[in-house]
């Protein structure tokens, strides 16, 4: 995960501190975040002040407000989680037809609606809020995490992937043997501990080491994961006279295919090609269609030009 303000505050507190763990007194001599992206947030090398031996502490850190275990997932990472059949697994998740009771367990916002129907019925153009759906990113939530709530586009994950998403079992060499202060350290990206604590409750190093848990024991008790499909929109900013979205490189599990049919714009979700299109790809597809309709995309765009130019199966609101 990215090094946010709270994480950096904790890192500053840990720097060169002393702490007690398992009745031994330690002095921190290395305090870093492994690079590139790993499951380890705090890589600590500490010296035992009694016998001068050194011990690694590799800690995954989460605030109590977390729900996501894995987010902004790209094709290279999904393969490490599900294996070579990842695409078929995602297709199966997208097309799942659970009972209402099952959907309640998985905290689906509309438990009486199948997931595919949730996509098909969702407005891809919102005239009031001036936004167009590009697609849905694939993210993994811990079902019993403190902030996991109901979600319209969500579903069951049948596989036990807790080891992959908690500490990165089966991850790439770069993620496992990460760089710490310029040196490659074997297994530095694989955490042994997890810390779930508000940064405001951490005033010294003992506030960290008194609350870390064995990450494998933690995962055994919290191994139910949910697929969360997060909507990414292309928003029109009238004041800035431009479009705005959350990055152009994010891959979609479900994405909108735009076509021009008899002069009208058609936008429908694609379910059978997960993570094969990025937001930039879909924007280019949309732009090409609008230009085919002689509608300017880049500047002075007017949503009202689309109101009477949509196919019957293109869902809109406003």
Protein backbone atom coordinates (compact mmCIF):
# COMPACT_ATOMS: atom_id res chain seq x y z
CA UNK A 1 0.00 0.00 0.00
CA UNK A 2 1.04 3.61 -0.48
CA UNK A 3 2.82 5.30 2.42
CA UNK A 4 0.08 7.63 3.68
CA UNK A 5 0.41 10.29 6.36
CA UNK A 6 -0.57 8.02 9.26
CA UNK A 7 1.92 5.35 8.23
CA UNK A 8 4.70 7.89 7.92
CA UNK A 9 3.87 9.28 11.37
CA UNK A 10 4.28 5.80 12.86
CA UNK A 11 7.54 5.33 10.97
CA UNK A 12 8.88 8.56 12.45
CA UNK A 13 8.00 7.39 15.96
CA UNK A 14 9.79 4.08 15.41
CA UNK A 15 13.00 5.66 14.13
CA UNK A 16 15.95 4.67 16.40
CA UNK A 17 13.57 3.83 19.26
CA UNK A 18 13.88 1.16 21.93
CA UNK A 19 11.10 -1.30 22.69
CA UNK A 20 10.36 -4.49 24.60
CA UNK A 21 9.15 -7.64 22.85
CA UNK A 22 8.80 -11.10 24.39
CA UNK A 23 10.59 -9.81 27.49
CA UNK A 24 13.64 -8.72 25.47
CA UNK A 25 14.81 -5.12 25.08
CA UNK A 26 15.60 -4.04 21.50
CA UNK A 27 17.04 -1.01 19.76
CA UNK A 28 15.87 -0.22 16.22
CA UNK A 29 18.79 0.09 13.81
CA UNK A 30 16.91 -0.09 10.47
CA UNK A 31 13.44 1.34 9.92
CA UNK A 32 12.27 1.41 6.31
CA UNK A 33 9.49 0.70 3.86
CA UNK A 34 10.51 -1.98 1.33
CA UNK A 35 10.39 -1.05 -2.35
CA UNK A 36 8.63 -1.56 -4.72
CA UNK A 37 5.08 -2.34 -3.57
CA UNK A 38 5.08 -5.15 -1.00
CA UNK A 39 2.90 -6.49 1.79
CA UNK A 40 5.44 -5.25 4.34
CA UNK A 41 4.86 -1.67 5.47
CA UNK A 42 7.44 -1.52 8.27
CA UNK A 43 10.73 -3.36 7.87
CA UNK A 44 12.48 -3.21 11.23
CA UNK A 45 15.91 -4.57 12.03
CA UNK A 46 16.49 -4.40 15.78
CA UNK A 47 19.43 -5.24 18.04
CA UNK A 48 18.89 -7.18 21.25
CA UNK A 49 20.51 -5.01 23.91
CA UNK A 50 21.34 -8.02 26.07
CA UNK A 51 23.22 -10.30 23.66
CA UNK A 52 23.77 -7.98 20.64
CA UNK A 53 21.95 -10.33 18.23
CA UNK A 54 19.78 -8.85 15.49
CA UNK A 55 16.16 -9.67 14.68
CA UNK A 56 13.89 -8.74 11.77
CA UNK A 57 10.35 -7.52 12.32
CA UNK A 58 8.30 -7.30 9.12
CA UNK A 59 4.94 -5.68 9.79
CA UNK A 60 1.84 -5.11 7.66
CA UNK A 61 0.00 -2.03 8.91
CA UNK A 62 -3.68 -1.19 8.68
CA UNK A 63 -5.77 1.51 10.26
CA UNK A 64 -8.94 0.33 12.05
CA UNK A 65 -10.94 1.92 9.22
CA UNK A 66 -9.73 -0.57 6.60
CA UNK A 67 -11.81 -2.88 4.41
CA UNK A 68 -9.58 -3.49 1.37
CA UNK A 69 -6.87 -6.13 1.55
CA UNK A 70 -5.86 -5.76 -2.10
CA UNK A 71 -6.79 -2.82 -4.32
CA UNK A 72 -6.04 -1.35 -7.75
CA UNK A 73 -5.37 -4.90 -8.93
CA UNK A 74 -3.65 -5.29 -12.30
CA UNK A 75 -3.24 -8.46 -14.45
CA UNK A 76 0.31 -9.19 -13.27
CA UNK A 77 -0.86 -9.22 -9.65
CA UNK A 78 -4.14 -11.13 -10.09
CA UNK A 79 -2.18 -14.05 -11.57
CA UNK A 80 -0.19 -14.29 -8.34
CA UNK A 81 -3.39 -14.44 -6.32
CA UNK A 82 -5.49 -16.92 -8.32
CA UNK A 83 -2.96 -18.66 -10.55
CA UNK A 84 -3.05 -19.16 -14.31
CA UNK A 85 -6.86 -19.65 -14.32
CA UNK A 86 -7.41 -16.17 -12.90
CA UNK A 87 -9.45 -14.95 -15.88
CA UNK A 88 -11.92 -17.84 -15.64
CA UNK A 89 -12.17 -17.33 -11.88
CA UNK A 90 -13.02 -13.65 -12.34
CA UNK A 91 -15.60 -14.48 -15.00
CA UNK A 92 -17.18 -16.96 -12.60
CA UNK A 93 -17.27 -14.34 -9.84
CA UNK A 94 -18.86 -11.78 -12.14
CA UNK A 95 -21.56 -14.22 -13.32
CA UNK A 96 -22.33 -15.72 -9.89
CA UNK A 97 -26.01 -16.25 -9.12
CA UNK A 98 -26.32 -16.43 -5.36
CA UNK A 99 -29.45 -16.82 -3.29
CA UNK A 100 -30.75 -13.75 -1.49
CA UNK A 101 -29.51 -15.20 1.80
CA UNK A 102 -26.04 -15.74 0.35
CA UNK A 103 -25.97 -12.17 -0.93
CA UNK A 104 -26.93 -10.93 2.53
CA UNK A 105 -23.94 -12.83 3.95
CA UNK A 106 -21.67 -11.23 1.36
CA UNK A 107 -23.21 -7.84 2.22
CA UNK A 108 -24.55 -7.07 -1.24
CA UNK A 109 -26.53 -3.83 -1.19
CA UNK A 110 -29.41 -5.33 -3.19
CA UNK A 111 -29.37 -9.00 -2.13
CA UNK A 112 -32.32 -9.90 -4.36
CA UNK A 113 -30.39 -8.85 -7.50
CA UNK A 114 -27.78 -11.00 -9.22
CA UNK A 115 -24.40 -9.35 -9.76
CA UNK A 116 -24.68 -9.31 -13.57
CA UNK A 117 -28.05 -7.57 -13.23
CA UNK A 118 -26.44 -4.98 -10.95
CA UNK A 119 -24.07 -4.11 -13.78
CA UNK A 120 -26.70 -4.27 -16.54
CA UNK A 121 -29.15 -2.05 -14.64
CA UNK A 122 -26.60 0.55 -13.57
CA UNK A 123 -26.83 3.94 -15.34
CA UNK A 124 -23.73 4.45 -17.47
CA UNK A 125 -24.59 8.10 -18.14
CA UNK A 126 -25.70 10.48 -15.39
CA UNK A 127 -26.97 13.75 -16.84
CA UNK A 128 -27.41 15.45 -13.46
CA UNK A 129 -23.93 14.68 -12.13
CA UNK A 130 -22.38 14.90 -15.59
CA UNK A 131 -20.48 11.65 -15.47
CA UNK A 132 -20.03 8.61 -17.69
CA UNK A 133 -19.12 5.15 -16.39
CA UNK A 134 -15.90 3.72 -17.79
CA UNK A 135 -15.92 0.43 -15.90
CA UNK A 136 -15.44 -1.31 -12.58
CA UNK A 137 -12.07 -1.97 -10.96
CA UNK A 138 -11.53 -5.28 -9.15
CA UNK A 139 -10.60 -5.04 -5.49
CA UNK A 140 -10.57 -7.54 -2.62
CA UNK A 141 -12.16 -6.77 0.74
CA UNK A 142 -11.94 -8.65 4.01
CA UNK A 143 -15.54 -9.57 4.74
CA UNK A 144 -15.33 -8.96 8.50
CA UNK A 145 -13.03 -5.92 8.34
CA UNK A 146 -14.16 -2.96 10.47
CA UNK A 147 -15.27 -0.79 7.55
CA UNK A 148 -16.61 -3.38 5.13
CA UNK A 149 -20.17 -2.33 4.39
CA UNK A 150 -22.84 -3.13 1.86
CA UNK A 151 -21.83 -2.66 -1.76
CA UNK A 152 -23.97 -2.72 -4.90
CA UNK A 153 -21.36 -4.48 -7.02
CA UNK A 154 -19.92 -7.17 -4.79
CA UNK A 155 -19.82 -10.93 -4.57
CA UNK A 156 -18.47 -14.11 -3.11
CA UNK A 157 -14.88 -15.30 -3.43
CA UNK A 158 -14.94 -19.09 -3.12
CA UNK A 159 -11.17 -19.60 -2.97
CA UNK A 160 -9.20 -19.22 0.26
CA UNK A 161 -6.76 -16.54 -0.84
CA UNK A 162 -5.92 -15.25 2.64
CA UNK A 163 -2.24 -16.24 2.40
CA UNK A 164 -1.87 -14.48 -0.96
CA UNK A 165 -3.51 -11.22 0.09
CA UNK A 166 -2.32 -10.98 3.70
CA UNK A 167 1.37 -11.77 3.30
CA UNK A 168 1.88 -12.35 -0.43
CA UNK A 169 2.35 -16.09 -0.77
CA UNK A 170 3.27 -16.91 -4.37
CA UNK A 171 4.08 -13.29 -5.20
CA UNK A 172 6.71 -12.12 -7.68
CA UNK A 173 10.41 -12.22 -6.81
CA UNK A 174 10.50 -8.41 -6.73
CA UNK A 175 7.62 -8.27 -4.26
CA UNK A 176 9.13 -10.99 -2.04
CA UNK A 177 12.80 -9.97 -2.11
CA UNK A 178 12.32 -6.23 -1.93
CA UNK A 179 14.75 -3.35 -1.73
CA UNK A 180 15.46 -1.90 1.70
CA UNK A 181 17.64 1.21 1.83
CA UNK A 182 19.10 0.34 -1.57
CA UNK A 183 19.83 -3.33 -0.87
CA UNK A 184 17.83 -6.41 -1.91
CA UNK A 185 16.81 -8.21 1.29
CA UNK A 186 15.45 -11.78 0.86
CA UNK A 187 11.83 -12.14 2.05
CA UNK A 188 11.70 -8.51 3.21
CA UNK A 189 8.38 -8.06 1.38
CA UNK A 190 6.67 -10.93 3.25
CA UNK A 191 5.40 -9.72 6.65
CA UNK A 192 5.37 -11.89 9.76
CA UNK A 193 3.17 -9.57 11.78
CA UNK A 194 0.12 -7.37 11.33
CA UNK A 195 -0.65 -4.17 13.22
CA UNK A 196 -4.19 -2.77 13.27
CA UNK A 197 -4.04 0.47 15.18
CA UNK A 198 -5.06 4.10 14.83
CA UNK A 199 -1.90 6.19 14.34
CA UNK A 200 -3.15 8.59 17.01
CA UNK A 201 -2.94 5.73 19.53
CA UNK A 202 0.75 5.18 18.77
CA UNK A 203 2.98 7.44 20.84
CA UNK A 204 6.06 5.25 21.15
CA UNK A 205 7.56 2.02 19.81
CA UNK A 206 6.00 -0.09 22.55
CA UNK A 207 2.55 0.99 21.33
CA UNK A 208 3.45 -0.85 18.12
CA UNK A 209 5.12 -3.95 19.50
CA UNK A 210 2.52 -4.46 22.24
CA UNK A 211 -0.19 -4.78 19.59
CA UNK A 212 1.34 -6.67 16.67
CA UNK A 213 -0.17 -10.08 15.87
CA UNK A 214 1.20 -13.09 14.04
CA UNK A 215 -0.14 -12.47 10.55
CA UNK A 216 -0.73 -16.16 9.80
CA UNK A 217 -2.79 -16.65 12.94
CA UNK A 218 -4.71 -13.49 12.13
CA UNK A 219 -5.42 -14.71 8.60
CA UNK A 220 -6.81 -18.02 9.85
CA UNK A 221 -9.45 -16.13 11.80
CA UNK A 222 -10.24 -13.61 9.05
CA UNK A 223 -10.04 -15.60 5.81
CA UNK A 224 -13.34 -14.72 4.12
CA UNK A 225 -12.77 -12.30 1.26
CA UNK A 226 -15.25 -10.46 -0.93
CA UNK A 227 -14.90 -9.26 -4.50
CA UNK A 228 -15.61 -5.56 -4.66
CA UNK A 229 -16.19 -3.93 -8.04
CA UNK A 230 -15.49 -0.20 -7.78
CA UNK A 231 -17.05 2.16 -10.30
CA UNK A 232 -14.71 4.49 -12.15
CA UNK A 233 -16.33 7.45 -13.88
CA UNK A 234 -15.27 10.02 -16.40
CA UNK A 235 -16.54 13.32 -14.96
CA UNK A 236 -17.08 16.52 -16.88
CA UNK A 237 -15.88 19.62 -15.05
CA UNK A 238 -17.71 22.59 -16.53
CA UNK A 239 -15.60 25.14 -14.67
CA UNK A 240 -12.38 23.61 -15.94
CA UNK A 241 -13.93 22.70 -19.30
CA UNK A 242 -12.31 19.27 -19.14
CA UNK A 243 -12.79 15.62 -18.22
CA UNK A 244 -11.45 14.10 -15.02
CA UNK A 245 -11.00 10.47 -13.95
CA UNK A 246 -8.93 8.45 -11.47
CA UNK A 247 -5.95 7.65 -13.65
CA UNK A 248 -5.72 6.16 -17.14
CA UNK A 249 -3.90 2.89 -16.42
CA UNK A 250 -6.29 1.11 -14.08
CA UNK A 251 -7.61 -2.16 -15.48
CA UNK A 252 -11.30 -3.03 -15.29
CA UNK A 253 -12.90 -6.36 -14.37
CA UNK A 254 -16.04 -5.16 -16.14
CA UNK A 255 -15.81 -2.36 -18.66
CA UNK A 256 -18.14 -0.40 -20.90
CA UNK A 257 -17.97 -1.01 -24.63
CA UNK A 258 -19.11 2.02 -26.62
CA UNK A 259 -20.55 1.77 -30.13
CA UNK A 260 -22.44 3.97 -32.55
CA UNK A 261 -25.61 2.22 -33.75
CA UNK A 262 -27.68 4.04 -36.40
CA UNK A 263 -26.27 7.35 -35.24
CA UNK A 264 -26.95 6.69 -31.54
CA UNK A 265 -24.46 6.00 -28.76
CA UNK A 266 -24.59 2.57 -27.14
CA UNK A 267 -22.80 1.71 -23.92
CA UNK A 268 -23.04 -1.79 -22.43
CA UNK A 269 -20.92 -3.70 -19.90
CA UNK A 270 -18.51 -6.41 -21.06
CA UNK A 271 -18.28 -9.37 -18.69
CA UNK A 272 -16.06 -11.92 -20.42
CA UNK A 273 -12.76 -10.03 -20.79
CA UNK A 274 -11.71 -9.08 -17.23
CA UNK A 275 -8.70 -6.81 -16.82
CA UNK A 276 -8.20 -6.60 -20.59
CA UNK A 277 -9.06 -2.89 -20.84
CA UNK A 278 -7.83 0.13 -18.92
CA UNK A 279 -9.61 3.39 -18.25
CA UNK A 280 -7.48 4.99 -20.96
CA UNK A 281 -8.63 2.37 -23.47
CA UNK A 282 -12.30 2.95 -22.67
CA UNK A 283 -11.92 6.73 -22.84
CA UNK A 284 -10.36 6.44 -26.29
CA UNK A 285 -13.23 4.17 -27.38
CA UNK A 286 -15.77 6.70 -26.09
CA UNK A 287 -13.93 9.59 -27.72
CA UNK A 288 -13.87 7.81 -31.09
CA UNK A 289 -17.61 7.16 -30.90
CA UNK A 290 -18.43 10.77 -30.03
CA UNK A 291 -16.28 12.02 -32.89
CA UNK A 292 -18.12 9.64 -35.23
CA UNK A 293 -21.32 11.35 -34.05
CA UNK A 294 -19.76 14.81 -34.65
CA UNK A 295 -19.81 15.55 -30.91
CA UNK A 296 -16.75 17.32 -29.54
CA UNK A 297 -15.15 15.38 -26.70
CA UNK A 298 -12.28 17.53 -25.46
CA UNK A 299 -13.66 21.05 -25.05
CA UNK A 300 -17.09 22.63 -24.76
CA UNK A 301 -18.66 19.23 -24.33
CA UNK A 302 -22.40 19.36 -23.63
CA UNK A 303 -24.14 16.39 -21.99
CA UNK A 304 -27.48 17.47 -23.41
CA UNK A 305 -26.26 16.55 -26.88
CA UNK A 306 -26.45 12.90 -25.79
CA UNK A 307 -29.92 12.96 -24.28
CA UNK A 308 -31.75 12.07 -27.49
CA UNK A 309 -28.86 10.15 -29.01
CA UNK A 310 -28.73 6.99 -26.88
CA UNK A 311 -29.83 3.50 -27.85
CA UNK A 312 -32.74 2.02 -25.90
CA UNK A 313 -30.50 -0.39 -24.01
CA UNK A 314 -28.06 2.31 -22.85
CA UNK A 315 -29.06 3.00 -19.25
CA UNK A 316 -29.03 6.65 -18.18
CA UNK A 317 -30.33 8.77 -15.32
CA UNK A 318 -31.19 12.42 -14.76
